[in-house]
């Protein structure tokens, strides 16, 4: 039985790259949802023209909120389309970024462990693959959070901040994401609490061709990391 693959792409002011990303995803995905998180440019237009189903936030709420909107939309879509006629590991949701840093050509490699029933949740790891990020603060933050999340989940995690991940619908139904800023660590912690299997697969990451991260200065980066630490602690203590 062929898997039904759905791609989820959160995007904020990515008009220069989103069309290319969506078009490349159509080679591997049956349906592509783009959550436009309050963009002020032509992100929504370019995504729709490339074949994506666009859901737009009226204002920017954060990548965590965009992903949460996307997952809720996808679960509703799956329920209406299939009504449990496909095995849960045959409906697969791929989450990647809209800025062109993640290669859609790596989708087959990332979904393979779920199709083979070797795991329930896949994280694309930049540290076991290839990354060109030169920011020492971001690298140091990722190493710290990966170490902390590894201890808290008792799983070896090398890239807790990766936005390239894959989950089956059965696992997604077991978790409830709450964070707006980011939910990358939150998601790992919740999946682990449900005793679902987690696996990392090496990925390569490209340098941004257009645009900039919303976190630029050292102060912004440090403040972001402190907020992420609060999210990790809150999720671990309360779920």
Protein backbone atom coordinates (compact mmCIF):
# COMPACT_ATOMS: atom_id res chain seq x y z
CA UNK A 1 0.00 0.00 0.00
CA UNK A 2 1.47 3.34 -1.03
CA UNK A 3 1.94 5.89 1.75
CA UNK A 4 0.04 9.16 1.73
CA UNK A 5 2.57 11.88 2.38
CA UNK A 6 1.56 15.35 3.56
CA UNK A 7 4.08 18.18 3.78
CA UNK A 8 3.69 21.03 6.26
CA UNK A 9 5.65 24.24 5.64
CA UNK A 10 5.47 27.19 8.07
CA UNK A 11 6.50 30.41 6.30
CA UNK A 12 6.96 34.05 7.16
CA UNK A 13 7.98 36.50 4.41
CA UNK A 14 9.53 33.79 2.22
CA UNK A 15 8.29 34.97 -1.18
CA UNK A 16 11.73 34.41 -2.76
CA UNK A 17 11.97 30.73 -1.85
CA UNK A 18 8.54 29.31 -0.99
CA UNK A 19 7.48 28.63 -4.59
CA UNK A 20 10.58 26.55 -5.31
CA UNK A 21 10.26 24.64 -2.02
CA UNK A 22 6.59 23.79 -2.67
CA UNK A 23 7.27 22.70 -6.27
CA UNK A 24 10.09 20.41 -5.15
CA UNK A 25 7.88 18.92 -2.43
CA UNK A 26 5.21 17.98 -5.01
CA UNK A 27 7.57 15.27 -6.29
CA UNK A 28 7.19 13.41 -3.00
CA UNK A 29 4.02 14.68 -1.31
CA UNK A 30 0.38 14.09 -2.12
CA UNK A 31 -0.72 17.29 -0.38
CA UNK A 32 1.22 20.35 0.76
CA UNK A 33 -0.02 22.76 3.42
CA UNK A 34 1.69 26.14 3.78
CA UNK A 35 0.95 28.09 6.94
CA UNK A 36 1.61 31.74 6.14
CA UNK A 37 2.32 33.22 9.56
CA UNK A 38 1.21 36.79 8.87
CA UNK A 39 3.56 37.54 5.97
CA UNK A 40 3.51 41.05 4.52
CA UNK A 41 4.96 39.99 1.15
CA UNK A 42 3.75 37.59 -1.59
CA UNK A 43 4.46 34.37 0.30
CA UNK A 44 0.83 33.18 0.16
CA UNK A 45 0.47 33.97 -3.56
CA UNK A 46 3.70 32.22 -4.51
CA UNK A 47 2.89 29.16 -2.38
CA UNK A 48 -0.59 28.79 -3.86
CA UNK A 49 0.70 29.23 -7.43
CA UNK A 50 3.23 26.44 -6.83
CA UNK A 51 0.52 24.00 -5.71
CA UNK A 52 0.30 24.50 -1.97
CA UNK A 53 -2.85 24.76 0.14
CA UNK A 54 -2.36 28.04 2.00
CA UNK A 55 -3.70 28.87 5.44
CA UNK A 56 -2.91 32.41 6.54
CA UNK A 57 -2.58 33.86 10.01
CA UNK A 58 -3.77 37.47 10.10
CA UNK A 59 -0.69 38.44 12.10
CA UNK A 60 2.68 36.90 12.90
CA UNK A 61 2.26 34.53 15.84
CA UNK A 62 5.48 32.50 15.78
CA UNK A 63 6.67 29.33 14.10
CA UNK A 64 5.30 27.22 16.96
CA UNK A 65 1.81 28.62 16.42
CA UNK A 66 2.12 28.09 12.66
CA UNK A 67 3.09 24.45 13.09
CA UNK A 68 0.28 23.92 15.60
CA UNK A 69 -2.24 25.36 13.11
CA UNK A 70 -0.79 23.11 10.43
CA UNK A 71 -1.00 19.92 12.44
CA UNK A 72 -4.59 20.62 13.52
CA UNK A 73 -5.56 21.29 9.91
CA UNK A 74 -3.86 18.13 8.70
CA UNK A 75 -5.50 15.88 11.30
CA UNK A 76 -8.90 17.26 10.30
CA UNK A 77 -8.07 16.76 6.62
CA UNK A 78 -6.97 13.15 7.23
CA UNK A 79 -10.11 12.36 9.22
CA UNK A 80 -12.35 13.73 6.47
CA UNK A 81 -10.42 12.11 3.61
CA UNK A 82 -9.66 8.66 4.99
CA UNK A 83 -11.79 7.97 8.07
CA UNK A 84 -9.16 5.49 9.36
CA UNK A 85 -9.05 3.53 6.09
CA UNK A 86 -5.24 3.72 5.98
CA UNK A 87 -2.80 2.40 8.64
CA UNK A 88 -1.44 5.23 10.79
CA UNK A 89 2.13 4.67 9.62
CA UNK A 90 0.98 5.03 6.00
CA UNK A 91 -0.18 8.63 6.55
CA UNK A 92 3.02 10.56 7.08
CA UNK A 93 3.50 14.25 7.82
CA UNK A 94 6.75 15.91 6.80
CA UNK A 95 7.58 19.26 8.40
CA UNK A 96 10.25 21.43 6.76
CA UNK A 97 11.12 25.12 6.50
CA UNK A 98 10.12 27.43 3.67
CA UNK A 99 13.44 29.27 3.37
CA UNK A 100 15.15 26.68 1.18
CA UNK A 101 17.57 25.41 3.82
CA UNK A 102 15.96 21.96 3.84
CA UNK A 103 16.13 19.83 0.70
CA UNK A 104 12.83 18.12 -0.23
CA UNK A 105 14.95 15.50 -2.03
CA UNK A 106 15.72 14.09 1.43
CA UNK A 107 12.06 13.31 2.13
CA UNK A 108 12.28 9.65 0.95
CA UNK A 109 15.23 9.06 3.29
CA UNK A 110 13.43 10.65 6.24
CA UNK A 111 10.13 8.79 5.84
CA UNK A 112 11.76 5.38 5.29
CA UNK A 113 12.16 4.44 9.00
CA UNK A 114 8.46 5.13 9.63
CA UNK A 115 7.37 3.13 6.58
CA UNK A 116 9.50 0.24 7.81
CA UNK A 117 7.86 0.57 11.26
CA UNK A 118 11.23 1.21 12.91
CA UNK A 119 10.15 4.47 14.52
CA UNK A 120 7.21 6.84 15.06
CA UNK A 121 9.01 10.17 14.86
CA UNK A 122 12.04 11.20 12.81
CA UNK A 123 14.30 14.20 13.38
CA UNK A 124 16.56 15.36 10.57
CA UNK A 125 19.90 15.93 12.28
CA UNK A 126 22.22 18.61 10.94
CA UNK A 127 24.98 17.52 13.31
CA UNK A 128 25.20 13.96 12.01
CA UNK A 129 24.74 15.25 8.47
CA UNK A 130 26.10 18.54 7.19
CA UNK A 131 25.48 22.06 8.41
CA UNK A 132 26.95 25.36 7.30
CA UNK A 133 25.66 27.47 10.17
CA UNK A 134 28.52 29.69 11.35
CA UNK A 135 26.78 31.18 14.40
CA UNK A 136 28.61 29.97 17.50
CA UNK A 137 25.72 31.04 19.75
CA UNK A 138 23.21 28.97 17.74
CA UNK A 139 25.57 26.00 17.60
CA UNK A 140 26.28 26.22 21.31
CA UNK A 141 22.58 26.55 22.10
CA UNK A 142 21.71 23.54 20.00
CA UNK A 143 24.41 21.43 21.63
CA UNK A 144 23.18 22.43 25.08
CA UNK A 145 19.49 21.79 24.34
CA UNK A 146 20.22 18.53 22.55
CA UNK A 147 22.17 17.37 25.61
CA UNK A 148 19.40 18.50 27.98
CA UNK A 149 16.60 16.93 25.91
CA UNK A 150 18.63 13.71 25.61
CA UNK A 151 18.83 13.46 29.41
CA UNK A 152 15.16 14.31 29.94
CA UNK A 153 13.88 11.86 27.30
CA UNK A 154 16.55 9.16 27.71
CA UNK A 155 17.03 9.26 23.95
CA UNK A 156 20.23 10.30 22.22
CA UNK A 157 19.31 13.55 20.44
CA UNK A 158 21.97 15.48 18.51
CA UNK A 159 19.75 18.16 16.96
CA UNK A 160 16.86 19.17 19.21
CA UNK A 161 16.29 22.38 17.25
CA UNK A 162 15.94 20.86 13.79
CA UNK A 163 12.83 21.96 11.91
CA UNK A 164 13.03 19.03 9.46
CA UNK A 165 11.02 16.21 11.00
CA UNK A 166 8.54 13.47 10.16
CA UNK A 167 5.71 11.99 12.23
CA UNK A 168 2.88 9.54 11.61
CA UNK A 169 -0.69 10.54 12.39
CA UNK A 170 -1.12 8.03 15.21
CA UNK A 171 1.75 9.61 17.13
CA UNK A 172 0.62 13.15 16.33
CA UNK A 173 -2.82 12.44 17.83
CA UNK A 174 -1.16 11.58 21.16
CA UNK A 175 0.50 14.95 21.71
CA UNK A 176 -0.83 18.46 22.27
CA UNK A 177 1.52 21.29 21.38
CA UNK A 178 1.03 24.57 23.22
CA UNK A 179 3.96 26.88 22.50
CA UNK A 180 3.87 29.76 20.01
CA UNK A 181 7.52 30.80 19.82
CA UNK A 182 8.86 27.35 18.95
CA UNK A 183 7.75 23.81 19.68
CA UNK A 184 10.73 21.80 18.48
CA UNK A 185 11.96 20.72 21.92
CA UNK A 186 8.38 20.59 23.23
CA UNK A 187 7.46 18.09 20.52
CA UNK A 188 10.38 15.77 21.29
CA UNK A 189 9.58 15.80 25.00
CA UNK A 190 5.89 15.08 24.42
CA UNK A 191 6.59 12.26 21.95
CA UNK A 192 8.99 10.70 24.45
CA UNK A 193 6.44 11.00 27.28
CA UNK A 194 4.02 8.99 25.15
CA UNK A 195 6.72 6.30 24.90
CA UNK A 196 6.82 6.62 21.13
CA UNK A 197 9.96 5.74 19.22
CA UNK A 198 12.33 8.53 18.15
CA UNK A 199 15.01 8.28 15.50
CA UNK A 200 17.44 10.76 13.97
CA UNK A 201 18.42 10.68 10.29
CA UNK A 202 21.37 12.75 8.96
CA UNK A 203 20.45 15.70 6.74
CA UNK A 204 22.31 18.46 4.94
CA UNK A 205 21.37 22.11 5.35
CA UNK A 206 21.86 24.83 2.77
CA UNK A 207 22.77 28.44 3.45
CA UNK A 208 19.86 30.88 3.07
CA UNK A 209 19.84 32.36 -0.44
CA UNK A 210 17.37 35.11 0.47
CA UNK A 211 16.09 36.82 3.57
CA UNK A 212 17.38 36.72 7.13
CA UNK A 213 16.53 34.98 10.36
CA UNK A 214 14.34 37.06 12.68
CA UNK A 215 17.04 36.52 15.33
CA UNK A 216 20.07 38.61 14.36
CA UNK A 217 21.89 40.28 17.27
CA UNK A 218 23.72 38.46 20.04
CA UNK A 219 21.21 39.79 22.54
CA UNK A 220 18.28 38.44 20.48
CA UNK A 221 19.96 35.05 20.21
CA UNK A 222 20.63 34.84 23.94
CA UNK A 223 17.08 35.96 24.80
CA UNK A 224 15.70 33.36 22.39
CA UNK A 225 17.76 30.60 24.02
CA UNK A 226 16.54 31.63 27.48
CA UNK A 227 12.93 31.48 26.26
CA UNK A 228 13.57 28.03 24.79
CA UNK A 229 15.00 26.89 28.13
CA UNK A 230 11.78 28.03 29.81
CA UNK A 231 9.77 26.06 27.25
CA UNK A 232 11.82 22.91 27.90
CA UNK A 233 11.40 23.19 31.67
CA UNK A 234 7.68 23.98 31.41
CA UNK A 235 7.02 21.09 29.03
CA UNK A 236 8.97 18.62 31.15
CA UNK A 237 7.15 19.60 34.32
CA UNK A 238 3.63 19.97 32.96
CA UNK A 239 3.59 18.10 29.62
